[in-house]
Amino acid sequence: MPVPSSDAYVFDLDGTLYLGDDPLPGAAETVAALRESGALVRFVSNNVTRSPDQYVEKLTRLGFEADLSEVLTPIVTTVRWLLANAPGAVVYPSAPPPVVTALTEAGIAVGHDPETIDIVLASYDRTFDYAKLQIAFDAIWFHRRARLMSTNPDRFCPYPGGRGEPDAAAVVAAIEASTGATCERTFGKPDPAVLQLALAGADLPLERVLMVGDRLATDIAMGVAAGTATALVLTGDSTAQEAADLPPSERPTHVLASVADLR
């Protein structure tokens, strides 16, 4: 059954438009065709190992037209929330360099002394080790002053060939298990505020927006919560059977083999 046209398309990246450094078949051509039809295009990823600028470079290199204003990641949403809601807070980021750079460039205090840390920010951290866990533990459990937050809730990041890498949820779980704390806030999908921010200024009714992604728990859940139509593509994490097993109110509007089926 053809997917009805929409006024705007919000695309996940990893597992939806590409895997690793390989664009998925027909994805770039589909996005270009949607633009040519007059539709608005946005890109939203939970992966913080690249800055928005680096995502624009990667998308362009893989054949997608992309502008910095069209790309949103938890780096942006995290910085915005901290500046608005925790001014002056000292943040300890267990995070990749793009996150740390964005925090410091925004004037947010980054600290490693557990006695002064107000927020432990867990993320997709390939350098996470026992020493980092100890700092988080001391700030939260021993000094009883820090709150635990996370850039994104993903369990793993998909890679070509069916592989994956542990993502931010693994770091959160280690800190929660040792401290007894609960992660208070996550700044990425499925928070519907992320989708609303991606569409800021567009003045479009949400029922004319299609959220496209490969993960039920983040991409599709965000679209459902925000009130958009949703399309699950079977090129990444979630399966058609997993979608069918959800309660009707949580199921994607469409299940597609790939983004190419949008044309």
C-alpha atoms as a PDB file:
ATOM      1  CA  MET A   1       0.000   0.000   0.000  1.00  0.00           C
ATOM      2  CA  PRO A   2       1.581   3.361  -1.002  1.00  0.00           C
ATOM      3  CA  VAL A   3       2.554   5.769   1.758  1.00  0.00           C
ATOM      4  CA  PRO A   4       0.543   9.010   1.467  1.00  0.00           C
ATOM      5  CA  SER A   5       2.636  12.107   0.827  1.00  0.00           C
ATOM      6  CA  SER A   6       3.495  14.391   3.730  1.00  0.00           C
ATOM      7  CA  ASP A   7       4.488  18.036   4.038  1.00  0.00           C
ATOM      8  CA  ALA A   8       7.554  17.166   6.118  1.00  0.00           C
ATOM      9  CA  TYR A   9       9.758  14.106   6.638  1.00  0.00           C
ATOM     10  CA  VAL A  10      11.905  13.668   9.727  1.00  0.00           C
ATOM     11  CA  PHE A  11      14.569  11.024   9.197  1.00  0.00           C
ATOM     12  CA  ASP A  12      16.642   9.086  11.666  1.00  0.00           C
ATOM     13  CA  LEU A  13      20.172   8.503  10.347  1.00  0.00           C
ATOM     14  CA  ASP A  14      21.909   5.342  11.602  1.00  0.00           C
ATOM     15  CA  GLY A  15      20.070   2.282  10.310  1.00  0.00           C
ATOM     16  CA  THR A  16      17.623   4.415   8.319  1.00  0.00           C
ATOM     17  CA  LEU A  17      19.576   6.352   5.680  1.00  0.00           C
ATOM     18  CA  TYR A  18      22.907   4.594   6.071  1.00  0.00           C
ATOM     19  CA  LEU A  19      24.814   1.916   7.967  1.00  0.00           C
ATOM     20  CA  GLY A  20      28.333   2.905   8.947  1.00  0.00           C
ATOM     21  CA  ASP A  21      29.825   4.633   5.914  1.00  0.00           C
ATOM     22  CA  ASP A  22      27.492   3.016   3.416  1.00  0.00           C
ATOM     23  CA  PRO A  23      24.281   4.726   2.256  1.00  0.00           C
ATOM     24  CA  LEU A  24      21.336   2.353   2.122  1.00  0.00           C
ATOM     25  CA  PRO A  25      20.136   1.567  -1.417  1.00  0.00           C
ATOM     26  CA  GLY A  26      17.859   4.249  -2.823  1.00  0.00           C
ATOM     27  CA  ALA A  27      17.955   6.407   0.317  1.00  0.00           C
ATOM     28  CA  ALA A  28      19.696   9.451  -1.160  1.00  0.00           C
ATOM     29  CA  GLU A  29      17.542   9.362  -4.275  1.00  0.00           C
ATOM     30  CA  THR A  30      14.384   9.134  -2.168  1.00  0.00           C
ATOM     31  CA  VAL A  31      15.311  12.105   0.026  1.00  0.00           C
ATOM     32  CA  ALA A  32      16.161  14.135  -3.094  1.00  0.00           C
ATOM     33  CA  ALA A  33      12.824  13.260  -4.679  1.00  0.00           C
ATOM     34  CA  LEU A  34      10.938  14.307  -1.550  1.00  0.00           C
ATOM     35  CA  ARG A  35      12.736  17.650  -1.564  1.00  0.00           C
ATOM     36  CA  GLU A  36      11.887  18.117  -5.247  1.00  0.00           C
ATOM     37  CA  SER A  37       8.222  17.544  -4.404  1.00  0.00           C
ATOM     38  CA  GLY A  38       8.388  20.524  -2.056  1.00  0.00           C
ATOM     39  CA  ALA A  39       8.476  18.599   1.217  1.00  0.00           C
ATOM     40  CA  LEU A  40      10.450  19.780   4.223  1.00  0.00           C
ATOM     41  CA  VAL A  41      13.271  17.419   5.268  1.00  0.00           C
ATOM     42  CA  ARG A  42      14.882  17.139   8.705  1.00  0.00           C
ATOM     43  CA  PHE A  43      17.464  14.744  10.157  1.00  0.00           C
ATOM     44  CA  VAL A  44      17.381  13.665  13.820  1.00  0.00           C
ATOM     45  CA  SER A  45      19.909  11.264  15.345  1.00  0.00           C
ATOM     46  CA  ASN A  46      20.588  10.035  18.869  1.00  0.00           C
ATOM     47  CA  ASN A  47      24.233   9.334  18.000  1.00  0.00           C
ATOM     48  CA  VAL A  48      26.521  11.917  19.610  1.00  0.00           C
ATOM     49  CA  THR A  49      29.865  10.665  18.316  1.00  0.00           C
ATOM     50  CA  ARG A  50      29.652  13.386  15.650  1.00  0.00           C
ATOM     51  CA  SER A  51      28.746  17.047  15.922  1.00  0.00           C
ATOM     52  CA  PRO A  52      25.895  18.393  13.782  1.00  0.00           C
ATOM     53  CA  ASP A  53      28.533  19.920  11.476  1.00  0.00           C
ATOM     54  CA  GLN A  54      30.160  16.520  11.065  1.00  0.00           C
ATOM     55  CA  TYR A  55      26.789  14.964  10.260  1.00  0.00           C
ATOM     56  CA  VAL A  56      26.250  17.519   7.512  1.00  0.00           C
ATOM     57  CA  GLU A  57      29.660  16.592   6.106  1.00  0.00           C
ATOM     58  CA  LYS A  58      28.894  12.872   6.267  1.00  0.00           C
ATOM     59  CA  LEU A  59      25.448  13.196   4.725  1.00  0.00           C
ATOM     60  CA  THR A  60      26.854  15.311   1.905  1.00  0.00           C
ATOM     61  CA  ARG A  61      29.667  12.820   1.316  1.00  0.00           C
ATOM     62  CA  LEU A  62      27.139   9.977   1.096  1.00  0.00           C
ATOM     63  CA  GLY A  63      25.052  11.818  -1.489  1.00  0.00           C
ATOM     64  CA  PHE A  64      22.415  13.548   0.655  1.00  0.00           C
ATOM     65  CA  GLU A  65      21.716  17.264   0.478  1.00  0.00           C
ATOM     66  CA  ALA A  66      21.868  18.591   4.032  1.00  0.00           C
ATOM     67  CA  ASP A  67      22.130  21.924   5.807  1.00  0.00           C
ATOM     68  CA  LEU A  68      23.208  22.496   9.404  1.00  0.00           C
ATOM     69  CA  SER A  69      19.774  23.941  10.224  1.00  0.00           C
ATOM     70  CA  GLU A  70      18.207  20.598   9.259  1.00  0.00           C
ATOM     71  CA  VAL A  71      20.247  18.392  11.646  1.00  0.00           C
ATOM     72  CA  LEU A  72      19.361  17.854  15.298  1.00  0.00           C
ATOM     73  CA  THR A  73      21.146  15.624  17.820  1.00  0.00           C
ATOM     74  CA  PRO A  74      21.148  15.335  21.632  1.00  0.00           C
ATOM     75  CA  ILE A  75      24.236  17.553  21.641  1.00  0.00           C
ATOM     76  CA  VAL A  76      21.968  20.459  20.739  1.00  0.00           C
ATOM     77  CA  THR A  77      19.085  19.519  23.038  1.00  0.00           C
ATOM     78  CA  THR A  78      21.401  18.797  25.992  1.00  0.00           C
ATOM     79  CA  VAL A  79      23.178  22.139  25.746  1.00  0.00           C
ATOM     80  CA  ARG A  80      19.889  24.032  25.353  1.00  0.00           C
ATOM     81  CA  TRP A  81      18.335  22.365  28.401  1.00  0.00           C
ATOM     82  CA  LEU A  82      21.376  22.882  30.625  1.00  0.00           C
ATOM     83  CA  LEU A  83      21.650  26.565  29.741  1.00  0.00           C
ATOM     84  CA  ALA A  84      17.942  27.122  30.360  1.00  0.00           C
ATOM     85  CA  ASN A  85      17.396  24.925  33.409  1.00  0.00           C
ATOM     86  CA  ALA A  86      20.737  24.431  35.182  1.00  0.00           C
ATOM     87  CA  PRO A  87      22.744  27.627  34.731  1.00  0.00           C
ATOM     88  CA  GLY A  88      25.973  27.473  36.678  1.00  0.00           C
ATOM     89  CA  ALA A  89      25.839  23.699  37.127  1.00  0.00           C
ATOM     90  CA  VAL A  90      29.095  21.754  36.969  1.00  0.00           C
ATOM     91  CA  VAL A  91      28.683  18.858  34.536  1.00  0.00           C
ATOM     92  CA  TYR A  92      30.751  15.685  34.447  1.00  0.00           C
ATOM     93  CA  PRO A  93      30.359  14.186  30.955  1.00  0.00           C
ATOM     94  CA  SER A  94      31.144  10.527  30.373  1.00  0.00           C
ATOM     95  CA  ALA A  95      30.823  11.308  26.704  1.00  0.00           C
ATOM     96  CA  PRO A  96      32.621  11.525  23.352  1.00  0.00           C
ATOM     97  CA  PRO A  97      34.606  14.637  22.379  1.00  0.00           C
ATOM     98  CA  PRO A  98      31.801  16.360  20.388  1.00  0.00           C
ATOM     99  CA  VAL A  99      29.631  16.477  23.524  1.00  0.00           C
ATOM    100  CA  VAL A 100      32.434  17.830  25.714  1.00  0.00           C
ATOM    101  CA  THR A 101      33.375  20.415  23.085  1.00  0.00           C
ATOM    102  CA  ALA A 102      29.779  21.625  22.772  1.00  0.00           C
ATOM    103  CA  LEU A 103      29.434  21.988  26.539  1.00  0.00           C
ATOM    104  CA  THR A 104      32.609  24.020  26.920  1.00  0.00           C
ATOM    105  CA  GLU A 105      31.894  26.191  23.852  1.00  0.00           C
ATOM    106  CA  ALA A 106      28.474  27.017  25.356  1.00  0.00           C
ATOM    107  CA  GLY A 107      30.145  28.170  28.574  1.00  0.00           C
ATOM    108  CA  ILE A 108      28.918  25.227  30.652  1.00  0.00           C
ATOM    109  CA  ALA A 109      31.325  24.289  33.445  1.00  0.00           C
ATOM    110  CA  VAL A 110      32.829  20.833  32.947  1.00  0.00           C
ATOM    111  CA  GLY A 111      34.404  19.290  36.053  1.00  0.00           C
ATOM    112  CA  HIS A 112      35.939  16.027  37.246  1.00  0.00           C
ATOM    113  CA  ASP A 113      36.041  16.650  41.012  1.00  0.00           C
ATOM    114  CA  PRO A 114      33.181  14.646  42.595  1.00  0.00           C
ATOM    115  CA  GLU A 115      32.864  17.258  45.354  1.00  0.00           C
ATOM    116  CA  THR A 116      31.814  19.923  42.835  1.00  0.00           C
ATOM    117  CA  ILE A 117      29.855  17.938  40.221  1.00  0.00           C
ATOM    118  CA  ASP A 118      26.149  18.783  39.987  1.00  0.00           C
ATOM    119  CA  ILE A 119      25.188  16.669  36.969  1.00  0.00           C
ATOM    120  CA  VAL A 120      26.674  13.413  35.721  1.00  0.00           C
ATOM    121  CA  LEU A 121      25.955  13.244  31.999  1.00  0.00           C
ATOM    122  CA  ALA A 122      26.158   9.676  30.669  1.00  0.00           C
ATOM    123  CA  SER A 123      26.557   9.162  26.948  1.00  0.00           C
ATOM    124  CA  TYR A 124      27.880   6.950  24.141  1.00  0.00           C
ATOM    125  CA  ASP A 125      31.361   6.792  25.654  1.00  0.00           C
ATOM    126  CA  ARG A 126      33.867   4.439  24.017  1.00  0.00           C
ATOM    127  CA  THR A 127      36.409   5.374  26.712  1.00  0.00           C
ATOM    128  CA  PHE A 128      34.143   4.538  29.664  1.00  0.00           C
ATOM    129  CA  ASP A 129      36.148   2.694  32.332  1.00  0.00           C
ATOM    130  CA  TYR A 130      36.270   2.029  36.074  1.00  0.00           C
ATOM    131  CA  ALA A 131      37.919   5.384  36.793  1.00  0.00           C
ATOM    132  CA  LYS A 132      35.019   7.242  35.153  1.00  0.00           C
ATOM    133  CA  LEU A 133      32.515   5.069  36.992  1.00  0.00           C
ATOM    134  CA  GLN A 134      34.260   5.927  40.275  1.00  0.00           C
ATOM    135  CA  ILE A 135      33.947   9.659  39.635  1.00  0.00           C
ATOM    136  CA  ALA A 136      30.241   9.297  38.858  1.00  0.00           C
ATOM    137  CA  PHE A 137      29.775   7.047  41.894  1.00  0.00           C
ATOM    138  CA  ASP A 138      31.498   9.480  44.248  1.00  0.00           C
ATOM    139  CA  ALA A 139      29.576  12.478  42.920  1.00  0.00           C
ATOM    140  CA  ILE A 140      26.183  10.741  43.184  1.00  0.00           C
ATOM    141  CA  TRP A 141      26.501   8.235  46.040  1.00  0.00           C
ATOM    142  CA  PHE A 142      29.304   9.454  48.313  1.00  0.00           C
ATOM    143  CA  HIS A 143      28.857  13.217  48.110  1.00  0.00           C
ATOM    144  CA  ARG A 144      25.119  12.894  47.422  1.00  0.00           C
ATOM    145  CA  ARG A 145      24.996  16.032  45.318  1.00  0.00           C
ATOM    146  CA  ALA A 146      24.965  15.047  41.653  1.00  0.00           C
ATOM    147  CA  ARG A 147      21.976  14.159  39.468  1.00  0.00           C
ATOM    148  CA  LEU A 148      22.246  11.556  36.708  1.00  0.00           C
ATOM    149  CA  MET A 149      21.204  12.477  33.163  1.00  0.00           C
ATOM    150  CA  SER A 150      21.853  11.018  29.723  1.00  0.00           C
ATOM    151  CA  THR A 151      22.186  12.282  26.183  1.00  0.00           C
ATOM    152  CA  ASN A 152      20.170   9.369  24.740  1.00  0.00           C
ATOM    153  CA  PRO A 153      18.533   6.091  25.841  1.00  0.00           C
ATOM    154  CA  ASP A 154      19.836   3.767  23.103  1.00  0.00           C
ATOM    155  CA  ARG A 155      21.101   0.337  24.150  1.00  0.00           C
ATOM    156  CA  PHE A 156      23.407  -0.057  21.164  1.00  0.00           C
ATOM    157  CA  CYS A 157      24.368   1.583  17.906  1.00  0.00           C
ATOM    158  CA  PRO A 158      23.870  -0.638  14.818  1.00  0.00           C
ATOM    159  CA  TYR A 159      26.778  -1.366  12.515  1.00  0.00           C
ATOM    160  CA  PRO A 160      27.019  -3.015   9.093  1.00  0.00           C
ATOM    161  CA  GLY A 161      26.903  -6.796   9.022  1.00  0.00           C
ATOM    162  CA  GLY A 162      24.567  -7.056  11.995  1.00  0.00           C
ATOM    163  CA  ARG A 163      27.141  -5.843  14.541  1.00  0.00           C
ATOM    164  CA  GLY A 164      26.699  -3.072  17.069  1.00  0.00           C
ATOM    165  CA  GLU A 165      28.398  -1.100  19.823  1.00  0.00           C
ATOM    166  CA  PRO A 166      27.066  -0.562  23.360  1.00  0.00           C
ATOM    167  CA  ASP A 167      25.519   2.891  23.591  1.00  0.00           C
ATOM    168  CA  ALA A 168      24.616   5.339  26.356  1.00  0.00           C
ATOM    169  CA  ALA A 169      22.153   3.009  28.105  1.00  0.00           C
ATOM    170  CA  ALA A 170      25.063   0.733  29.041  1.00  0.00           C
ATOM    171  CA  VAL A 171      26.871   3.600  30.787  1.00  0.00           C
ATOM    172  CA  VAL A 172      23.657   4.684  32.513  1.00  0.00           C
ATOM    173  CA  ALA A 173      23.033   1.108  33.698  1.00  0.00           C
ATOM    174  CA  ALA A 174      26.494   0.833  35.258  1.00  0.00           C
ATOM    175  CA  ILE A 175      26.052   4.101  37.150  1.00  0.00           C
ATOM    176  CA  GLU A 176      22.507   3.264  38.244  1.00  0.00           C
ATOM    177  CA  ALA A 177      23.529  -0.218  39.407  1.00  0.00           C
ATOM    178  CA  SER A 178      26.379   1.031  41.556  1.00  0.00           C
ATOM    179  CA  THR A 179      24.734   4.155  42.990  1.00  0.00           C
ATOM    180  CA  GLY A 180      21.070   3.203  43.218  1.00  0.00           C
ATOM    181  CA  ALA A 181      20.272   6.457  41.421  1.00  0.00           C
ATOM    182  CA  THR A 182      17.786   6.759  38.568  1.00  0.00           C
ATOM    183  CA  CYS A 183      18.511   8.679  35.396  1.00  0.00           C
ATOM    184  CA  GLU A 184      16.322  11.778  35.717  1.00  0.00           C
ATOM    185  CA  ARG A 185      16.349  13.047  32.145  1.00  0.00           C
ATOM    186  CA  THR A 186      17.299  11.895  28.679  1.00  0.00           C
ATOM    187  CA  PHE A 187      17.776  14.507  25.986  1.00  0.00           C
ATOM    188  CA  GLY A 188      17.288  12.473  22.814  1.00  0.00           C
ATOM    189  CA  LYS A 189      14.503  10.528  21.168  1.00  0.00           C
ATOM    190  CA  PRO A 190      11.825   9.442  22.129  1.00  0.00           C
ATOM    191  CA  ASP A 191      11.173  12.787  23.842  1.00  0.00           C
ATOM    192  CA  PRO A 192       8.553  14.454  21.588  1.00  0.00           C
ATOM    193  CA  ALA A 193      10.169  17.816  22.354  1.00  0.00           C
ATOM    194  CA  VAL A 194      13.043  16.710  20.117  1.00  0.00           C
ATOM    195  CA  LEU A 195      10.734  16.361  17.120  1.00  0.00           C
ATOM    196  CA  GLN A 196       9.024  19.639  17.894  1.00  0.00           C
ATOM    197  CA  LEU A 197      12.394  21.387  18.060  1.00  0.00           C
ATOM    198  CA  ALA A 198      13.429  19.826  14.745  1.00  0.00           C
ATOM    199  CA  LEU A 199      10.324  21.359  13.145  1.00  0.00           C
ATOM    200  CA  ALA A 200      10.567  24.712  14.929  1.00  0.00           C
ATOM    201  CA  GLY A 201       9.550  27.579  12.671  1.00  0.00           C
ATOM    202  CA  ALA A 202       7.988  25.333  10.040  1.00  0.00           C
ATOM    203  CA  ASP A 203       4.389  26.048  11.120  1.00  0.00           C
ATOM    204  CA  LEU A 204       3.131  22.653   9.955  1.00  0.00           C
ATOM    205  CA  PRO A 205       0.308  20.578  11.448  1.00  0.00           C
ATOM    206  CA  LEU A 206       1.872  17.471  13.008  1.00  0.00           C
ATOM    207  CA  GLU A 207      -0.575  15.212  11.191  1.00  0.00           C
ATOM    208  CA  ARG A 208       1.157  16.276   7.954  1.00  0.00           C
ATOM    209  CA  VAL A 209       4.573  15.112   9.245  1.00  0.00           C
ATOM    210  CA  LEU A 210       6.055  11.629   8.810  1.00  0.00           C
ATOM    211  CA  MET A 211       8.689  10.381  11.263  1.00  0.00           C
ATOM    212  CA  VAL A 212      10.878   7.739   9.605  1.00  0.00           C
ATOM    213  CA  GLY A 213      13.234   5.491  11.552  1.00  0.00           C
ATOM    214  CA  ASP A 214      14.420   1.967  12.310  1.00  0.00           C
ATOM    215  CA  ARG A 215      13.800   1.848  16.061  1.00  0.00           C
ATOM    216  CA  LEU A 216      10.423   1.356  17.686  1.00  0.00           C
ATOM    217  CA  ALA A 217      11.574   2.492  21.127  1.00  0.00           C
ATOM    218  CA  THR A 218      12.995   5.825  19.972  1.00  0.00           C
ATOM    219  CA  ASP A 219      12.029   6.917  16.441  1.00  0.00           C
ATOM    220  CA  ILE A 220       8.518   5.485  16.321  1.00  0.00           C
ATOM    221  CA  ALA A 221       7.744   6.144  19.993  1.00  0.00           C
ATOM    222  CA  MET A 222       8.704   9.789  19.507  1.00  0.00           C
ATOM    223  CA  GLY A 223       6.470  10.177  16.472  1.00  0.00           C
ATOM    224  CA  VAL A 224       3.562   8.508  18.260  1.00  0.00           C
ATOM    225  CA  ALA A 225       4.017  10.731  21.319  1.00  0.00           C
ATOM    226  CA  ALA A 226       4.243  13.865  19.183  1.00  0.00           C
ATOM    227  CA  GLY A 227       1.191  12.988  17.105  1.00  0.00           C
ATOM    228  CA  THR A 228       2.818  12.467  13.698  1.00  0.00           C
ATOM    229  CA  ALA A 229       2.432   9.585  11.275  1.00  0.00           C
ATOM    230  CA  THR A 230       5.309   7.115  11.550  1.00  0.00           C
ATOM    231  CA  ALA A 231       7.157   4.745   9.238  1.00  0.00           C
ATOM    232  CA  LEU A 232       9.339   1.922  10.536  1.00  0.00           C
ATOM    233  CA  VAL A 233      12.038   0.858   8.077  1.00  0.00           C
ATOM    234  CA  LEU A 234      13.438  -2.661   8.414  1.00  0.00           C
ATOM    235  CA  THR A 235      17.056  -1.757   7.663  1.00  0.00           C
ATOM    236  CA  GLY A 236      18.248  -1.344  11.233  1.00  0.00           C
ATOM    237  CA  ASP A 237      17.176  -2.393  14.714  1.00  0.00           C
ATOM    238  CA  SER A 238      13.473  -3.271  14.967  1.00  0.00           C
ATOM    239  CA  THR A 239      11.552  -5.969  13.106  1.00  0.00           C
ATOM    240  CA  ALA A 240       8.085  -6.171  11.605  1.00  0.00           C
ATOM    241  CA  GLN A 241       7.122  -8.793  14.167  1.00  0.00           C
ATOM    242  CA  GLU A 242       8.170  -6.521  17.029  1.00  0.00           C
ATOM    243  CA  ALA A 243       5.990  -3.787  15.548  1.00  0.00           C
ATOM    244  CA  ALA A 244       3.031  -6.173  15.228  1.00  0.00           C
ATOM    245  CA  ASP A 245       3.461  -7.237  18.860  1.00  0.00           C
ATOM    246  CA  LEU A 246       2.972  -3.687  20.151  1.00  0.00           C
ATOM    247  CA  PRO A 247      -0.407  -2.435  21.363  1.00  0.00           C
ATOM    248  CA  PRO A 248      -2.279  -0.844  18.438  1.00  0.00           C
ATOM    249  CA  SER A 249      -1.794   2.676  19.795  1.00  0.00           C
ATOM    250  CA  GLU A 250       1.999   2.237  19.778  1.00  0.00           C
ATOM    251  CA  ARG A 251       2.413   0.626  16.357  1.00  0.00           C
ATOM    252  CA  PRO A 252       3.972   2.502  13.421  1.00  0.00           C
ATOM    253  CA  THR A 253       1.571   3.827  10.808  1.00  0.00           C
ATOM    254  CA  HIS A 254       3.615   2.117   8.087  1.00  0.00           C
ATOM    255  CA  VAL A 255       6.192  -0.682   8.004  1.00  0.00           C
ATOM    256  CA  LEU A 256       8.551  -0.450   5.028  1.00  0.00           C
ATOM    257  CA  ALA A 257      11.432  -2.568   3.774  1.00  0.00           C
ATOM    258  CA  SER A 258      13.517   0.600   3.400  1.00  0.00           C
ATOM    259  CA  VAL A 259      13.354   4.349   2.901  1.00  0.00           C
ATOM    260  CA  ALA A 260      13.262   3.706  -0.849  1.00  0.00           C
ATOM    261  CA  ASP A 261       9.649   2.525  -0.414  1.00  0.00           C
ATOM    262  CA  LEU A 262       8.601   6.110   0.325  1.00  0.00           C
ATOM    263  CA  ARG A 263       8.788   6.867  -3.414  1.00  0.00           C
END
